[in-house]
Amino acid sequence: MKNLKYFTVLYAGFVFLGGIMAFWHANQLPALFEILASILLFIACFFFKKEKNFIYLITFILIFLLTVFYGYRFAATTNFYPGILAAISAFFTFAYGYQIFKSYSQK
């Protein structure tokens, strides 16, 4: 999972663009949560080398919240974009959960 940081940056970019598009075209206020979460993910990716366990935990919490958010939006609207992002968010939740488990089990 060495490339997890790069995939997280790509994922944060998709979330950011989706939030901008949702806010711009549909005036959806929950899109501001998407924008804020993606900015926080970009910041977390910038600090990956400093404190791995803490940054992994912060990123795990952010992506878990995005998983719940997109899962709720997919259940409410059954649109394609929230469904895909819910699945991708679930994958990242499991990937970061594995990284956290691996880092704490090595101690």
Protein backbone atom coordinates (compact mmCIF):
# COMPACT_ATOMS: atom_id res chain seq x y z
CA MET A 1 0.00 0.00 0.00
CA LYS A 2 2.84 2.35 -0.78
CA ASN A 3 0.71 4.11 -3.36
CA LEU A 4 -2.17 4.69 -0.95
CA LYS A 5 -1.17 8.34 -0.59
CA TYR A 6 -1.36 8.96 -4.34
CA PHE A 7 -4.71 7.21 -4.65
CA THR A 8 -5.99 9.24 -1.72
CA VAL A 9 -4.96 12.47 -3.45
CA LEU A 10 -6.78 11.30 -6.60
CA TYR A 11 -9.84 10.36 -4.53
CA ALA A 12 -9.78 13.73 -2.75
CA GLY A 13 -9.68 15.42 -6.15
CA PHE A 14 -12.79 13.56 -7.28
CA VAL A 15 -14.57 14.42 -4.04
CA PHE A 16 -13.57 18.07 -4.41
CA LEU A 17 -14.77 18.27 -8.00
CA GLY A 18 -18.01 16.50 -7.10
CA GLY A 19 -18.60 18.95 -4.26
CA ILE A 20 -17.92 21.95 -6.48
CA MET A 21 -20.25 20.64 -9.19
CA ALA A 22 -23.02 19.81 -6.70
CA PHE A 23 -22.79 23.21 -5.06
CA TRP A 24 -22.49 25.12 -8.33
CA HIS A 25 -25.26 23.44 -10.29
CA ALA A 26 -27.72 22.26 -7.63
CA ASN A 27 -27.02 24.65 -4.73
CA GLN A 28 -26.75 21.72 -2.36
CA LEU A 29 -25.44 22.72 1.05
CA PRO A 30 -24.18 19.19 1.90
CA ALA A 31 -21.70 19.69 -0.91
CA LEU A 32 -19.83 22.07 1.38
CA PHE A 33 -19.08 19.03 3.59
CA GLU A 34 -17.58 17.30 0.55
CA ILE A 35 -15.40 20.29 -0.23
CA LEU A 36 -14.23 20.64 3.37
CA ALA A 37 -13.51 16.91 3.69
CA SER A 38 -11.52 16.87 0.45
CA ILE A 39 -9.45 19.86 1.55
CA LEU A 40 -8.73 18.12 4.85
CA LEU A 41 -7.73 14.98 2.94
CA PHE A 42 -5.31 17.02 0.82
CA ILE A 43 -3.80 18.47 3.99
CA ALA A 44 -3.56 15.03 5.60
CA CYS A 45 -1.78 13.65 2.53
CA PHE A 46 0.73 16.46 2.76
CA PHE A 47 1.67 15.39 6.31
CA PHE A 48 1.85 11.62 5.69
CA LYS A 49 5.56 11.32 6.46
CA LYS A 50 5.42 13.08 9.84
CA GLU A 51 3.24 11.01 12.20
CA LYS A 52 1.93 7.98 10.39
CA ASN A 53 -0.46 6.56 12.98
CA PHE A 54 -2.17 9.85 13.76
CA ILE A 55 -2.51 10.84 10.10
CA TYR A 56 -3.82 7.39 9.18
CA LEU A 57 -6.40 7.70 11.95
CA ILE A 58 -7.50 11.18 10.85
CA THR A 59 -7.73 10.05 7.23
CA PHE A 60 -9.64 6.92 8.25
CA ILE A 61 -12.20 9.01 10.16
CA LEU A 62 -12.64 11.46 7.27
CA ILE A 63 -13.09 8.71 4.71
CA PHE A 64 -15.46 6.81 7.00
CA LEU A 65 -17.60 9.94 7.30
CA LEU A 66 -17.55 10.30 3.53
CA THR A 67 -18.57 6.63 3.19
CA VAL A 68 -21.59 7.24 5.41
CA PHE A 69 -22.38 10.49 3.58
CA TYR A 70 -22.23 8.96 0.10
CA GLY A 71 -24.04 5.83 1.25
CA TYR A 72 -26.89 7.95 2.56
CA ARG A 73 -27.01 10.03 -0.63
CA PHE A 74 -27.02 6.87 -2.75
CA ALA A 75 -29.81 5.34 -0.68
CA ALA A 76 -31.85 8.54 -0.94
CA THR A 77 -31.36 9.28 -4.64
CA THR A 78 -29.99 6.07 -6.27
CA ASN A 79 -27.80 8.22 -8.53
CA PHE A 80 -24.67 6.78 -10.10
CA TYR A 81 -22.04 9.20 -8.75
CA PRO A 82 -22.83 8.83 -5.02
CA GLY A 83 -22.99 5.06 -5.46
CA ILE A 84 -19.56 4.86 -7.06
CA LEU A 85 -18.04 7.20 -4.48
CA ALA A 86 -19.65 5.19 -1.67
CA ALA A 87 -17.98 2.04 -3.00
CA ILE A 88 -14.62 3.76 -3.46
CA SER A 89 -14.90 5.31 0.00
CA ALA A 90 -15.64 1.90 1.50
CA PHE A 91 -12.52 0.51 -0.19
CA PHE A 92 -10.40 3.33 1.25
CA THR A 93 -11.99 2.82 4.67
CA PHE A 94 -10.90 -0.81 4.64
CA ALA A 95 -7.45 0.07 3.28
CA TYR A 96 -6.79 2.64 6.00
CA GLY A 97 -8.29 0.36 8.64
CA TYR A 98 -5.80 -2.30 7.55
CA GLN A 99 -2.93 0.20 7.72
CA ILE A 100 -3.93 1.25 11.23
CA PHE A 101 -4.28 -2.37 12.34
CA LYS A 102 -0.90 -3.23 10.82
CA SER A 103 0.87 -0.28 12.43
CA TYR A 104 -0.55 -1.02 15.89
CA SER A 105 0.10 -4.75 15.67
CA GLN A 106 3.80 -4.16 14.94
CA LYS A 107 4.32 -2.35 18.24
